[in-house]
PDB file of N, CA and C in Angstrom:
ATOM      1  N   MET A   1      55.745 129.417 189.549  1.00  0.00           N
ATOM      2  CA  MET A   1      55.148 128.118 189.745  1.00  0.00           C
ATOM      3  C   MET A   1      54.148 128.157 190.892  1.00  0.00           C
ATOM      4  N   ALA A   2      54.433 128.919 191.920  1.00  0.00           N
ATOM      5  CA  ALA A   2      53.542 128.943 193.085  1.00  0.00           C
ATOM      6  C   ALA A   2      52.151 129.422 192.715  1.00  0.00           C
ATOM      7  N   SER A   3      52.050 130.450 191.887  1.00  0.00           N
ATOM      8  CA  SER A   3      50.726 130.943 191.529  1.00  0.00           C
ATOM      9  C   SER A   3      49.943 129.906 190.741  1.00  0.00           C
ATOM     10  N   GLY A   4      50.606 129.070 189.974  1.00  0.00           N
ATOM     11  CA  GLY A   4      49.946 128.003 189.242  1.00  0.00           C
ATOM     12  C   GLY A   4      49.450 126.899 190.146  1.00  0.00           C
ATOM     13  N   LEU A   5      50.097 126.717 191.283  1.00  0.00           N
ATOM     14  CA  LEU A   5      49.687 125.661 192.225  1.00  0.00           C
ATOM     15  C   LEU A   5      48.397 126.009 192.957  1.00  0.00           C
ATOM     16  N   GLU A   6      48.061 127.272 193.055  1.00  0.00           N
ATOM     17  CA  GLU A   6      46.848 127.665 193.767  1.00  0.00           C
ATOM     18  C   GLU A   6      45.618 126.988 193.181  1.00  0.00           C
ATOM     19  N   ALA A   7      45.608 126.770 191.881  1.00  0.00           N
ATOM     20  CA  ALA A   7      44.474 126.120 191.226  1.00  0.00           C
ATOM     21  C   ALA A   7      44.365 124.640 191.602  1.00  0.00           C
ATOM     22  N   TYR A   8      45.444 124.040 192.103  1.00  0.00           N
ATOM     23  CA  TYR A   8      45.459 122.615 192.439  1.00  0.00           C
ATOM     24  C   TYR A   8      45.108 122.335 193.903  1.00  0.00           C
ATOM     25  N   VAL A   9      44.999 123.358 194.738  1.00  0.00           N
ATOM     26  CA  VAL A   9      44.697 123.152 196.159  1.00  0.00           C
ATOM     27  C   VAL A   9      43.352 122.438 196.286  1.00  0.00           C
ATOM     28  N   ASN A  10      43.316 121.426 197.134  1.00  0.00           N
ATOM     29  CA  ASN A  10      42.162 120.540 197.367  1.00  0.00           C
ATOM     30  C   ASN A  10      41.853 119.637 196.178  1.00  0.00           C
ATOM     31  N   SER A  11      42.797 119.512 195.244  1.00  0.00           N
ATOM     32  CA  SER A  11      42.676 118.574 194.124  1.00  0.00           C
ATOM     33  C   SER A  11      43.684 117.451 194.323  1.00  0.00           C
ATOM     34  N   THR A  12      43.440 116.333 193.657  1.00  0.00           N
ATOM     35  CA  THR A  12      44.389 115.225 193.699  1.00  0.00           C
ATOM     36  C   THR A  12      45.522 115.514 192.723  1.00  0.00           C
ATOM     37  N   VAL A  13      46.750 115.409 193.223  1.00  0.00           N
ATOM     38  CA  VAL A  13      47.931 115.669 192.401  1.00  0.00           C
ATOM     39  C   VAL A  13      48.892 114.486 192.472  1.00  0.00           C
ATOM     40  N   SER A  14      49.721 114.395 191.461  1.00  0.00           N
ATOM     41  CA  SER A  14      50.819 113.439 191.435  1.00  0.00           C
ATOM     42  C   SER A  14      52.108 114.238 191.443  1.00  0.00           C
ATOM     43  N   ILE A  15      53.027 113.843 192.310  1.00  0.00           N
ATOM     44  CA  ILE A  15      54.310 114.538 192.431  1.00  0.00           C
ATOM     45  C   ILE A  15      55.429 113.544 192.186  1.00  0.00           C
ATOM     46  N   ILE A  16      56.301 113.880 191.254  1.00  0.00           N
ATOM     47  CA  ILE A  16      57.502 113.082 191.011  1.00  0.00           C
ATOM     48  C   ILE A  16      58.671 113.852 191.598  1.00  0.00           C
ATOM     49  N   THR A  17      59.429 113.180 192.433  1.00  0.00           N
ATOM     50  CA  THR A  17      60.549 113.839 193.104  1.00  0.00           C
ATOM     51  C   THR A  17      61.850 113.640 192.323  1.00  0.00           C
ATOM     52  N   ALA A  18      62.849 114.412 192.685  1.00  0.00           N
ATOM     53  CA  ALA A  18      64.142 114.344 192.016  1.00  0.00           C
ATOM     54  C   ALA A  18      64.810 112.984 192.174  1.00  0.00           C
ATOM     55  N   ASP A  19      64.447 112.250 193.229  1.00  0.00           N
ATOM     56  CA  ASP A  19      65.034 110.920 193.412  1.00  0.00           C
ATOM     57  C   ASP A  19      64.174 109.819 192.783  1.00  0.00           C
ATOM     58  N   GLY A  20      63.153 110.190 191.988  1.00  0.00           N
ATOM     59  CA  GLY A  20      62.389 109.223 191.209  1.00  0.00           C
ATOM     60  C   GLY A  20      61.192 108.599 191.903  1.00  0.00           C
ATOM     61  N   ARG A  21      60.758 109.167 193.010  1.00  0.00           N
ATOM     62  CA  ARG A  21      59.582 108.630 193.707  1.00  0.00           C
ATOM     63  C   ARG A  21      58.321 109.315 193.202  1.00  0.00           C
ATOM     64  N   ASN A  22      57.177 108.610 193.299  1.00  0.00           N
ATOM     65  CA  ASN A  22      55.896 109.140 192.827  1.00  0.00           C
ATOM     66  C   ASN A  22      54.910 109.146 193.981  1.00  0.00           C
ATOM     67  N   PHE A  23      54.454 110.332 194.366  1.00  0.00           N
ATOM     68  CA  PHE A  23      53.485 110.494 195.443  1.00  0.00           C
ATOM     69  C   PHE A  23      52.183 111.010 194.869  1.00  0.00           C
ATOM     70  N   VAL A  24      51.058 110.485 195.360  1.00  0.00           N
ATOM     71  CA  VAL A  24      49.738 110.933 194.933  1.00  0.00           C
ATOM     72  C   VAL A  24      48.933 111.258 196.179  1.00  0.00           C
ATOM     73  N   GLY A  25      48.256 112.412 196.169  1.00  0.00           N
ATOM     74  CA  GLY A  25      47.441 112.800 197.309  1.00  0.00           C
ATOM     75  C   GLY A  25      46.724 114.109 197.042  1.00  0.00           C
ATOM     76  N   THR A  26      45.985 114.564 198.032  1.00  0.00           N
ATOM     77  CA  THR A  26      45.256 115.823 197.933  1.00  0.00           C
ATOM     78  C   THR A  26      46.163 116.959 198.380  1.00  0.00           C
ATOM     79  N   LEU A  27      46.391 117.915 197.487  1.00  0.00           N
ATOM     80  CA  LEU A  27      47.241 119.060 197.810  1.00  0.00           C
ATOM     81  C   LEU A  27      46.496 119.960 198.785  1.00  0.00           C
ATOM     82  N   LYS A  28      47.044 120.094 199.986  1.00  0.00           N
ATOM     83  CA  LYS A  28      46.412 120.921 201.017  1.00  0.00           C
ATOM     84  C   LYS A  28      47.048 122.290 201.151  1.00  0.00           C
ATOM     85  N   GLY A  29      48.304 122.416 200.764  1.00  0.00           N
ATOM     86  CA  GLY A  29      48.957 123.707 200.876  1.00  0.00           C
ATOM     87  C   GLY A  29      50.382 123.656 200.371  1.00  0.00           C
ATOM     88  N   PHE A  30      50.970 124.850 200.232  1.00  0.00           N
ATOM     89  CA  PHE A  30      52.359 124.989 199.790  1.00  0.00           C
ATOM     90  C   PHE A  30      52.859 126.352 200.239  1.00  0.00           C
ATOM     91  N   ASP A  31      54.169 126.531 200.183  1.00  0.00           N
ATOM     92  CA  ASP A  31      54.732 127.827 200.556  1.00  0.00           C
ATOM     93  C   ASP A  31      55.557 128.391 199.408  1.00  0.00           C
ATOM     94  N   GLN A  32      56.265 129.493 199.666  1.00  0.00           N
ATOM     95  CA  GLN A  32      57.001 130.184 198.620  1.00  0.00           C
ATOM     96  C   GLN A  32      58.152 129.369 198.044  1.00  0.00           C
ATOM     97  N   THR A  33      58.626 128.371 198.753  1.00  0.00           N
ATOM     98  CA  THR A  33      59.694 127.513 198.227  1.00  0.00           C
ATOM     99  C   THR A  33      59.145 126.189 197.701  1.00  0.00           C
ATOM    100  N   ILE A  34      57.860 126.107 197.493  1.00  0.00           N
ATOM    101  CA  ILE A  34      57.134 124.962 196.937  1.00  0.00           C
ATOM    102  C   ILE A  34      57.236 123.725 197.825  1.00  0.00           C
ATOM    103  N   ASN A  35      57.463 123.904 199.131  1.00  0.00           N
ATOM    104  CA  ASN A  35      57.247 122.789 200.050  1.00  0.00           C
ATOM    105  C   ASN A  35      55.746 122.515 200.008  1.00  0.00           C
ATOM    106  N   VAL A  36      55.345 121.252 199.857  1.00  0.00           N
ATOM    107  CA  VAL A  36      53.920 120.955 199.711  1.00  0.00           C
ATOM    108  C   VAL A  36      53.437 120.031 200.821  1.00  0.00           C
ATOM    109  N   ILE A  37      52.158 120.149 201.128  1.00  0.00           N
ATOM    110  CA  ILE A  37      51.496 119.281 202.101  1.00  0.00           C
ATOM    111  C   ILE A  37      50.451 118.475 201.344  1.00  0.00           C
ATOM    112  N   LEU A  38      50.574 117.145 201.421  1.00  0.00           N
ATOM    113  CA  LEU A  38      49.603 116.242 200.812  1.00  0.00           C
ATOM    114  C   LEU A  38      48.823 115.544 201.906  1.00  0.00           C
ATOM    115  N   ASP A  39      47.517 115.419 201.720  1.00  0.00           N
ATOM    116  CA  ASP A  39      46.673 114.664 202.643  1.00  0.00           C
ATOM    117  C   ASP A  39      46.166 113.422 201.914  1.00  0.00           C
ATOM    118  N   GLU A  40      45.835 112.396 202.670  1.00  0.00           N
ATOM    119  CA  GLU A  40      45.357 111.130 202.101  1.00  0.00           C
ATOM    120  C   GLU A  40      46.304 110.652 200.996  1.00  0.00           C
ATOM    121  N   SER A  41      47.593 110.715 201.276  1.00  0.00           N
ATOM    122  CA  SER A  41      48.590 110.430 200.243  1.00  0.00           C
ATOM    123  C   SER A  41      49.076 108.988 200.290  1.00  0.00           C
ATOM    124  N   HIS A  42      49.646 108.589 199.163  1.00  0.00           N
ATOM    125  CA  HIS A  42      50.305 107.295 199.068  1.00  0.00           C
ATOM    126  C   HIS A  42      51.433 107.407 198.047  1.00  0.00           C
ATOM    127  N   GLU A  43      52.402 106.505 198.188  1.00  0.00           N
ATOM    128  CA  GLU A  43      53.497 106.436 197.235  1.00  0.00           C
ATOM    129  C   GLU A  43      53.231 105.262 196.310  1.00  0.00           C
ATOM    130  N   ARG A  44      53.415 105.489 195.025  1.00  0.00           N
ATOM    131  CA  ARG A  44      53.262 104.412 194.041  1.00  0.00           C
ATOM    132  C   ARG A  44      54.648 103.919 193.661  1.00  0.00           C
ATOM    133  N   VAL A  45      54.876 102.615 193.915  1.00  0.00           N
ATOM    134  CA  VAL A  45      56.173 102.004 193.644  1.00  0.00           C
ATOM    135  C   VAL A  45      56.013 101.096 192.432  1.00  0.00           C
ATOM    136  N   PHE A  46      56.743 101.407 191.368  1.00  0.00           N
ATOM    137  CA  PHE A  46      56.635 100.659 190.114  1.00  0.00           C
ATOM    138  C   PHE A  46      57.602  99.487 190.096  1.00  0.00           C
ATOM    139  N   SER A  47      57.221  98.424 189.364  1.00  0.00           N
ATOM    140  CA  SER A  47      58.036  97.225 189.260  1.00  0.00           C
ATOM    141  C   SER A  47      57.793  96.581 187.901  1.00  0.00           C
ATOM    142  N   THR A  48      58.812  95.924 187.367  1.00  0.00           N
ATOM    143  CA  THR A  48      58.653  95.208 186.105  1.00  0.00           C
ATOM    144  C   THR A  48      58.130  93.797 186.324  1.00  0.00           C
ATOM    145  N   THR A  49      58.170  93.303 187.552  1.00  0.00           N
ATOM    146  CA  THR A  49      57.752  91.922 187.819  1.00  0.00           C
ATOM    147  C   THR A  49      56.406  91.807 188.521  1.00  0.00           C
ATOM    148  N   SER A  50      56.005  92.842 189.237  1.00  0.00           N
ATOM    149  CA  SER A  50      54.702  92.814 189.910  1.00  0.00           C
ATOM    150  C   SER A  50      54.008  94.137 189.653  1.00  0.00           C
ATOM    151  N   GLY A  51      52.776  94.237 190.038  1.00  0.00           N
ATOM    152  CA  GLY A  51      52.020  95.456 189.799  1.00  0.00           C
ATOM    153  C   GLY A  51      52.531  96.628 190.621  1.00  0.00           C
ATOM    154  N   ILE A  52      51.877  97.757 190.444  1.00  0.00           N
ATOM    155  CA  ILE A  52      52.244  98.961 191.190  1.00  0.00           C
ATOM    156  C   ILE A  52      51.799  98.797 192.635  1.00  0.00           C
ATOM    157  N   GLU A  53      52.745  98.921 193.548  1.00  0.00           N
ATOM    158  CA  GLU A  53      52.434  98.853 194.975  1.00  0.00           C
ATOM    159  C   GLU A  53      52.115 100.254 195.467  1.00  0.00           C
ATOM    160  N   GLN A  54      51.048 100.386 196.242  1.00  0.00           N
ATOM    161  CA  GLN A  54      50.668 101.683 196.793  1.00  0.00           C
ATOM    162  C   GLN A  54      50.867 101.649 198.304  1.00  0.00           C
ATOM    163  N   ILE A  55      51.789 102.456 198.780  1.00  0.00           N
ATOM    164  CA  ILE A  55      52.119 102.521 200.200  1.00  0.00           C
ATOM    165  C   ILE A  55      51.394 103.722 200.798  1.00  0.00           C
ATOM    166  N   VAL A  56      50.481 103.479 201.715  1.00  0.00           N
ATOM    167  CA  VAL A  56      49.690 104.542 202.327  1.00  0.00           C
ATOM    168  C   VAL A  56      50.565 105.354 203.278  1.00  0.00           C
ATOM    169  N   LEU A  57      50.526 106.691 203.119  1.00  0.00           N
ATOM    170  CA  LEU A  57      51.329 107.591 203.947  1.00  0.00           C
ATOM    171  C   LEU A  57      50.477 108.523 204.800  1.00  0.00           C
ATOM    172  N   GLY A  58      49.261 108.828 204.370  1.00  0.00           N
ATOM    173  CA  GLY A  58      48.417 109.780 205.096  1.00  0.00           C
ATOM    174  C   GLY A  58      48.871 111.204 204.829  1.00  0.00           C
ATOM    175  N   LEU A  59      48.998 112.000 205.895  1.00  0.00           N
ATOM    176  CA  LEU A  59      49.464 113.379 205.764  1.00  0.00           C
ATOM    177  C   LEU A  59      50.973 113.355 205.525  1.00  0.00           C
ATOM    178  N   HIS A  60      51.434 114.028 204.468  1.00  0.00           N
ATOM    179  CA  HIS A  60      52.836 113.923 204.067  1.00  0.00           C
ATOM    180  C   HIS A  60      53.332 115.278 203.580  1.00  0.00           C
ATOM    181  N   ILE A  61      54.546 115.645 203.956  1.00  0.00           N
ATOM    182  CA  ILE A  61      55.169 116.897 203.523  1.00  0.00           C
ATOM    183  C   ILE A  61      56.346 116.562 202.616  1.00  0.00           C
ATOM    184  N   ILE A  62      56.423 117.258 201.477  1.00  0.00           N
ATOM    185  CA  ILE A  62      57.524 117.051 200.541  1.00  0.00           C
ATOM    186  C   ILE A  62      58.255 118.381 200.367  1.00  0.00           C
ATOM    187  N   ARG A  63      59.566 118.342 200.544  1.00  0.00           N
ATOM    188  CA  ARG A  63      60.382 119.559 200.395  1.00  0.00           C
ATOM    189  C   ARG A  63      60.391 120.021 198.942  1.00  0.00           C
ATOM    190  N   GLY A  64      60.268 121.309 198.762  1.00  0.00           N
ATOM    191  CA  GLY A  64      60.213 121.885 197.427  1.00  0.00           C
ATOM    192  C   GLY A  64      61.457 121.649 196.598  1.00  0.00           C
ATOM    193  N   ASP A  65      62.633 121.613 197.236  1.00  0.00           N
ATOM    194  CA  ASP A  65      63.857 121.409 196.465  1.00  0.00           C
ATOM    195  C   ASP A  65      64.010 119.979 195.960  1.00  0.00           C
ATOM    196  N   ASN A  66      63.105 119.070 196.369  1.00  0.00           N
ATOM    197  CA  ASN A  66      63.148 117.689 195.907  1.00  0.00           C
ATOM    198  C   ASN A  66      62.063 117.407 194.867  1.00  0.00           C
ATOM    199  N   ILE A  67      61.239 118.395 194.523  1.00  0.00           N
ATOM    200  CA  ILE A  67      60.137 118.172 193.586  1.00  0.00           C
ATOM    201  C   ILE A  67      60.604 118.447 192.161  1.00  0.00           C
ATOM    202  N   ALA A  68      60.353 117.468 191.274  1.00  0.00           N
ATOM    203  CA  ALA A  68      60.683 117.635 189.858  1.00  0.00           C
ATOM    204  C   ALA A  68      59.450 118.030 189.047  1.00  0.00           C
ATOM    205  N   VAL A  69      58.297 117.370 189.308  1.00  0.00           N
ATOM    206  CA  VAL A  69      57.076 117.599 188.530  1.00  0.00           C
ATOM    207  C   VAL A  69      55.867 117.496 189.448  1.00  0.00           C
ATOM    208  N   ILE A  70      54.899 118.402 189.258  1.00  0.00           N
ATOM    209  CA  ILE A  70      53.602 118.316 189.932  1.00  0.00           C
ATOM    210  C   ILE A  70      52.537 118.381 188.847  1.00  0.00           C
ATOM    211  N   GLY A  71      51.597 117.435 188.893  1.00  0.00           N
ATOM    212  CA  GLY A  71      50.516 117.438 187.915  1.00  0.00           C
ATOM    213  C   GLY A  71      49.207 117.028 188.551  1.00  0.00           C
ATOM    214  N   GLN A  72      48.107 117.538 188.006  1.00  0.00           N
ATOM    215  CA  GLN A  72      46.788 117.193 188.511  1.00  0.00           C
ATOM    216  C   GLN A  72      46.386 115.828 187.981  1.00  0.00           C
ATOM    217  N   VAL A  73      45.747 115.024 188.841  1.00  0.00           N
ATOM    218  CA  VAL A  73      45.317 113.674 188.481  1.00  0.00           C
ATOM    219  C   VAL A  73      43.849 113.708 188.078  1.00  0.00           C
ATOM    220  N   ASP A  74      43.520 113.068 186.956  1.00  0.00           N
ATOM    221  CA  ASP A  74      42.123 112.900 186.549  1.00  0.00           C
ATOM    222  C   ASP A  74      41.580 111.728 187.361  1.00  0.00           C
ATOM    223  N   GLU A  75      40.802 112.026 188.396  1.00  0.00           N
ATOM    224  CA  GLU A  75      40.337 110.998 189.321  1.00  0.00           C
ATOM    225  C   GLU A  75      39.429 109.977 188.650  1.00  0.00           C
ATOM    226  N   THR A  76      38.691 110.370 187.630  1.00  0.00           N
ATOM    227  CA  THR A  76      37.821 109.433 186.923  1.00  0.00           C
ATOM    228  C   THR A  76      38.640 108.327 186.273  1.00  0.00           C
ATOM    229  N   ILE A  77      39.712 108.700 185.608  1.00  0.00           N
ATOM    230  CA  ILE A  77      40.584 107.710 184.968  1.00  0.00           C
ATOM    231  C   ILE A  77      41.362 106.939 186.013  1.00  0.00           C
ATOM    232  N   ASP A  78      41.874 107.625 187.034  1.00  0.00           N
ATOM    233  CA  ASP A  78      42.709 106.996 188.056  1.00  0.00           C
ATOM    234  C   ASP A  78      41.965 105.889 188.804  1.00  0.00           C
ATOM    235  N   THR A  79      40.690 106.081 189.090  1.00  0.00           N
ATOM    236  CA  THR A  79      39.936 105.067 189.831  1.00  0.00           C
ATOM    237  C   THR A  79      39.651 103.827 188.987  1.00  0.00           C
ATOM    238  N   ARG A  80      39.717 103.936 187.671  1.00  0.00           N
ATOM    239  CA  ARG A  80      39.462 102.786 186.794  1.00  0.00           C
ATOM    240  C   ARG A  80      40.710 101.944 186.539  1.00  0.00           C
ATOM    241  N   LEU A  81      41.871 102.432 186.910  1.00  0.00           N
ATOM    242  CA  LEU A  81      43.112 101.688 186.659  1.00  0.00           C
ATOM    243  C   LEU A  81      43.245 100.495 187.597  1.00  0.00           C
ATOM    244  N   GLU A  82      43.732  99.382 187.063  1.00  0.00           N
ATOM    245  CA  GLU A  82      44.030  98.196 187.872  1.00  0.00           C
ATOM    246  C   GLU A  82      45.537  98.172 188.130  1.00  0.00           C
ATOM    247  N   PHE A  83      45.939  98.747 189.241  1.00  0.00           N
ATOM    248  CA  PHE A  83      47.358  98.905 189.541  1.00  0.00           C
ATOM    249  C   PHE A  83      48.088  97.573 189.694  1.00  0.00           C
ATOM    250  N   ALA A  84      47.376  96.511 190.084  1.00  0.00           N
ATOM    251  CA  ALA A  84      48.006  95.204 190.253  1.00  0.00           C
ATOM    252  C   ALA A  84      48.477  94.628 188.919  1.00  0.00           C
ATOM    253  N   SER A  85      47.910  95.074 187.814  1.00  0.00           N
ATOM    254  CA  SER A  85      48.287  94.517 186.510  1.00  0.00           C
ATOM    255  C   SER A  85      49.189  95.442 185.696  1.00  0.00           C
ATOM    256  N   ILE A  86      49.515  96.608 186.214  1.00  0.00           N
ATOM    257  CA  ILE A  86      50.374  97.553 185.488  1.00  0.00           C
ATOM    258  C   ILE A  86      51.827  97.306 185.872  1.00  0.00           C
ATOM    259  N   ARG A  87      52.672  97.126 184.859  1.00  0.00           N
ATOM    260  CA  ARG A  87      54.108  96.914 185.068  1.00  0.00           C
ATOM    261  C   ARG A  87      54.868  98.115 184.496  1.00  0.00           C
ATOM    262  N   GLY A  88      55.961  98.458 185.107  1.00  0.00           N
ATOM    263  CA  GLY A  88      56.766  99.563 184.590  1.00  0.00           C
ATOM    264  C   GLY A  88      58.101  99.652 185.295  1.00  0.00           C
ATOM    265  N   GLU A  89      59.055 100.193 184.592  1.00  0.00           N
ATOM    266  CA  GLU A  89      60.381 100.418 185.172  1.00  0.00           C
ATOM    267  C   GLU A  89      60.284 101.490 186.250  1.00  0.00           C
ATOM    268  N   PRO A  90      60.922 101.274 187.385  1.00  0.00           N
ATOM    269  CA  PRO A  90      60.977 102.347 188.395  1.00  0.00           C
ATOM    270  C   PRO A  90      61.719 103.549 187.814  1.00  0.00           C
ATOM    271  N   LEU A  91      61.282 104.741 188.197  1.00  0.00           N
ATOM    272  CA  LEU A  91      61.953 105.946 187.735  1.00  0.00           C
ATOM    273  C   LEU A  91      63.301 106.081 188.399  1.00  0.00           C
ATOM    274  N   GLY A  92      64.262 106.593 187.669  1.00  0.00           N
ATOM    275  CA  GLY A  92      65.565 106.870 188.251  1.00  0.00           C
ATOM    276  C   GLY A  92      65.609 108.304 188.737  1.00  0.00           C
ATOM    277  N   PRO A  93      66.699 108.689 189.365  1.00  0.00           N
ATOM    278  CA  PRO A  93      66.820 110.081 189.823  1.00  0.00           C
ATOM    279  C   PRO A  93      66.946 111.043 188.655  1.00  0.00           C
ATOM    280  N   VAL A  94      66.531 112.281 188.865  1.00  0.00           N
ATOM    281  CA  VAL A  94      66.664 113.328 187.868  1.00  0.00           C
ATOM    282  C   VAL A  94      68.130 113.742 187.818  1.00  0.00           C
ATOM    283  N   VAL A  95      68.698 113.745 186.634  1.00  0.00           N
ATOM    284  CA  VAL A  95      70.106 114.110 186.470  1.00  0.00           C
ATOM    285  C   VAL A  95      70.170 115.470 185.785  1.00  0.00           C
ATOM    286  N   HIS A  96      70.867 116.417 186.412  1.00  0.00           N
ATOM    287  CA  HIS A  96      70.962 117.771 185.854  1.00  0.00           C
ATOM    288  C   HIS A  96      72.162 117.884 184.956  1.00  0.00           C
TER     289      HIS A  96
END
């Protein structure tokens, strides 16, 4: 997985953690255990009653053992989304 992440460095990524949180930011680095460093990051909090809340975090480190999924974000599509009007169930924790 680490060698695949090299292509994402300095790109915008979305990370879903094992506890169901969603972080979006610029991947600045990672190590052999997939601990990642995100810059200009924010957490997207989903709700069924209000839009997606974006909590600004700035520089953020996520432990590799808590990461479930990492994916590259298409910034063209992402900037066109109206997060205030999107509703969705919050993600639950990953169950093994």
